[in-house]
C-alpha atoms as a PDB file:
ATOM      1  CA  MET A   1      -1.814  21.664 -38.313  1.00  0.00           C
ATOM      2  CA  ARG A   2      -1.698  18.517 -36.220  1.00  0.00           C
ATOM      3  CA  ILE A   3       1.262  16.182 -36.335  1.00  0.00           C
ATOM      4  CA  GLN A   4       0.148  12.647 -36.991  1.00  0.00           C
ATOM      5  CA  GLY A   5       0.490  10.472 -33.900  1.00  0.00           C
ATOM      6  CA  SER A   6       0.974  13.388 -31.496  1.00  0.00           C
ATOM      7  CA  GLY A   7      -2.210  12.396 -29.660  1.00  0.00           C
ATOM      8  CA  ASN A   8      -0.671   9.006 -28.972  1.00  0.00           C
ATOM      9  CA  LEU A   9       2.485  10.585 -27.586  1.00  0.00           C
ATOM     10  CA  MET A  10       0.475  12.631 -25.108  1.00  0.00           C
ATOM     11  CA  GLY A  11      -1.320   9.449 -24.067  1.00  0.00           C
ATOM     12  CA  LEU A  12       2.003   7.667 -23.719  1.00  0.00           C
ATOM     13  CA  GLN A  13       3.437  10.470 -21.598  1.00  0.00           C
ATOM     14  CA  GLU A  14       0.346  10.466 -19.371  1.00  0.00           C
ATOM     15  CA  HIS A  15       0.654   6.712 -18.877  1.00  0.00           C
ATOM     16  CA  ARG A  16       4.355   7.006 -18.109  1.00  0.00           C
ATOM     17  CA  SER A  17       3.560   9.717 -15.586  1.00  0.00           C
ATOM     18  CA  GLU A  18       1.024   7.395 -13.946  1.00  0.00           C
ATOM     19  CA  ILE A  19       3.687   4.671 -13.722  1.00  0.00           C
ATOM     20  CA  GLU A  20       6.134   7.145 -12.152  1.00  0.00           C
ATOM     21  CA  GLN A  21       3.542   8.077  -9.526  1.00  0.00           C
ATOM     22  CA  ILE A  22       2.899   4.417  -8.759  1.00  0.00           C
ATOM     23  CA  ASP A  23       6.654   3.755  -8.567  1.00  0.00           C
ATOM     24  CA  GLU A  24       6.973   6.557  -6.029  1.00  0.00           C
ATOM     25  CA  GLN A  25       4.125   5.079  -3.995  1.00  0.00           C
ATOM     26  CA  ILE A  26       5.791   1.660  -4.082  1.00  0.00           C
ATOM     27  CA  ILE A  27       9.081   3.119  -2.839  1.00  0.00           C
ATOM     28  CA  ARG A  28       7.290   5.005  -0.062  1.00  0.00           C
ATOM     29  CA  LEU A  29       5.500   1.780   0.938  1.00  0.00           C
ATOM     30  CA  ILE A  30       8.850  -0.035   1.054  1.00  0.00           C
ATOM     31  CA  TYR A  31      10.144   2.747   3.300  1.00  0.00           C
ATOM     32  CA  GLN A  32       7.090   2.284   5.531  1.00  0.00           C
ATOM     33  CA  ARG A  33       7.618  -1.473   5.580  1.00  0.00           C
ATOM     34  CA  ILE A  34      11.237  -1.044   6.686  1.00  0.00           C
ATOM     35  CA  GLY A  35      10.049   1.340   9.410  1.00  0.00           C
ATOM     36  CA  ILE A  36       7.719  -1.350  10.713  1.00  0.00           C
ATOM     37  CA  SER A  37      10.598  -3.834  10.547  1.00  0.00           C
ATOM     38  CA  LYS A  38      12.392  -1.646  13.077  1.00  0.00           C
ATOM     39  CA  LYS A  39       9.420  -1.968  15.435  1.00  0.00           C
ATOM     40  CA  ILE A  40       9.342  -5.714  14.849  1.00  0.00           C
ATOM     41  CA  PHE A  41      13.040  -5.889  15.735  1.00  0.00           C
ATOM     42  CA  GLU A  42      12.381  -4.092  19.019  1.00  0.00           C
ATOM     43  CA  ALA A  43       9.532  -6.494  19.824  1.00  0.00           C
ATOM     44  CA  LYS A  44      11.672  -9.518  18.973  1.00  0.00           C
ATOM     45  CA  ARG A  45      14.501  -8.195  21.125  1.00  0.00           C
ATOM     46  CA  THR A  46      12.133  -7.585  24.043  1.00  0.00           C
ATOM     47  CA  GLU A  47      10.640 -11.069  23.691  1.00  0.00           C
ATOM     48  CA  GLY A  48      14.028 -12.725  23.171  1.00  0.00           C
ATOM     49  CA  LYS A  49      13.107 -14.008  19.703  1.00  0.00           C
ATOM     50  CA  PRO A  50      15.590 -14.457  16.865  1.00  0.00           C
ATOM     51  CA  ILE A  51      15.554 -12.126  13.876  1.00  0.00           C
ATOM     52  CA  SER A  52      15.075 -14.918  11.375  1.00  0.00           C
ATOM     53  CA  ASP A  53      11.629 -16.529  11.382  1.00  0.00           C
ATOM     54  CA  PRO A  54      11.463 -18.971   8.444  1.00  0.00           C
ATOM     55  CA  GLN A  55       7.870 -19.987   9.201  1.00  0.00           C
ATOM     56  CA  ARG A  56       6.713 -16.358   9.108  1.00  0.00           C
ATOM     57  CA  GLU A  57       8.666 -15.765   5.911  1.00  0.00           C
ATOM     58  CA  LYS A  58       6.926 -18.757   4.303  1.00  0.00           C
ATOM     59  CA  ARG A  59       3.520 -17.373   5.338  1.00  0.00           C
ATOM     60  CA  VAL A  60       4.350 -13.943   3.900  1.00  0.00           C
ATOM     61  CA  LEU A  61       5.446 -15.507   0.598  1.00  0.00           C
ATOM     62  CA  SER A  62       2.419 -17.774   0.468  1.00  0.00           C
ATOM     63  CA  ARG A  63       0.025 -14.905   1.101  1.00  0.00           C
ATOM     64  CA  ALA A  64       1.708 -12.761  -1.574  1.00  0.00           C
ATOM     65  CA  MET A  65       1.606 -15.568  -4.120  1.00  0.00           C
ATOM     66  CA  ASP A  66      -2.048 -16.323  -3.337  1.00  0.00           C
ATOM     67  CA  LEU A  67      -2.942 -12.697  -3.968  1.00  0.00           C
ATOM     68  CA  ALA A  68      -0.827 -12.662  -7.126  1.00  0.00           C
ATOM     69  CA  THR A  69      -2.698 -15.725  -8.372  1.00  0.00           C
ATOM     70  CA  GLU A  70      -6.038 -14.089  -7.541  1.00  0.00           C
ATOM     71  CA  LEU A  71      -5.011 -10.990  -9.513  1.00  0.00           C
ATOM     72  CA  ASN A  72      -3.582 -13.067 -12.384  1.00  0.00           C
ATOM     73  CA  LEU A  73      -0.048 -11.782 -11.847  1.00  0.00           C
ATOM     74  CA  ASP A  74       3.182 -13.671 -12.449  1.00  0.00           C
ATOM     75  CA  THR A  75       3.576 -15.544  -9.144  1.00  0.00           C
ATOM     76  CA  GLY A  76       7.286 -16.158  -9.739  1.00  0.00           C
ATOM     77  CA  ALA A  77       7.931 -12.436 -10.142  1.00  0.00           C
ATOM     78  CA  VAL A  78       5.824 -11.586  -7.091  1.00  0.00           C
ATOM     79  CA  LYS A  79       7.657 -14.247  -5.067  1.00  0.00           C
ATOM     80  CA  SER A  80      10.986 -12.729  -6.119  1.00  0.00           C
ATOM     81  CA  ILE A  81       9.822  -9.229  -5.124  1.00  0.00           C
ATOM     82  CA  PHE A  82       8.681 -10.435  -1.719  1.00  0.00           C
ATOM     83  CA  GLU A  83      11.863 -12.421  -1.153  1.00  0.00           C
ATOM     84  CA  THR A  84      13.719  -9.159  -1.739  1.00  0.00           C
ATOM     85  CA  LEU A  85      11.425  -7.307   0.686  1.00  0.00           C
ATOM     86  CA  ILE A  86      11.960  -9.981   3.337  1.00  0.00           C
ATOM     87  CA  THR A  87      15.725  -9.812   2.805  1.00  0.00           C
ATOM     88  CA  MET A  88      15.635  -6.024   3.190  1.00  0.00           C
ATOM     89  CA  SER A  89      13.685  -6.389   6.431  1.00  0.00           C
ATOM     90  CA  VAL A  90      15.980  -9.056   7.865  1.00  0.00           C
ATOM     91  CA  ASN A  91      19.061  -7.049   6.851  1.00  0.00           C
ATOM     92  CA  LYS A  92      17.683  -3.932   8.557  1.00  0.00           C
ATOM     93  CA  GLN A  93      17.032  -5.940  11.732  1.00  0.00           C
ATOM     94  CA  HIS A  94      20.576  -7.331  11.669  1.00  0.00           C
ATOM     95  CA  GLU A  95      21.886  -3.797  11.197  1.00  0.00           C
ATOM     96  CA  LEU A  96      19.862  -2.646  14.210  1.00  0.00           C
ATOM     97  CA  GLN A  97      21.097  -5.592  16.245  1.00  0.00           C
ATOM     98  CA  GLY A  98      24.684  -4.662  15.441  1.00  0.00           C
ATOM     99  CA  ARG A  99      24.073  -1.076  16.552  1.00  0.00           C
ATOM    100  CA  ASN A 100      22.553  -2.248  19.824  1.00  0.00           C
ATOM    101  CA  GLN A 101      25.460  -4.576  20.582  1.00  0.00           C
ATOM    102  CA  GLY A 102      28.136  -1.997  19.892  1.00  0.00           C
END
């Protein structure tokens, strides 16, 4: 005997599992991005450049929002996500700077 709707639950669980896998990939990509931020910090330090680069941040946001528009995603949400990513990167660089000054 088959329980009515049980096929839908399996489909739901499979979709949720897919989302969990994607979430893990996103987190691993954020980890990678922060790792690259460390390399960027070293390059900035070597070249005597400040951590904050508002023009670069604007270009990153613009590029993200352009792609979001192309993919018909909520540009405001994507902008917010990328502002958070930029903040994480800048914060990591400031943390590294503090370690190197101490």
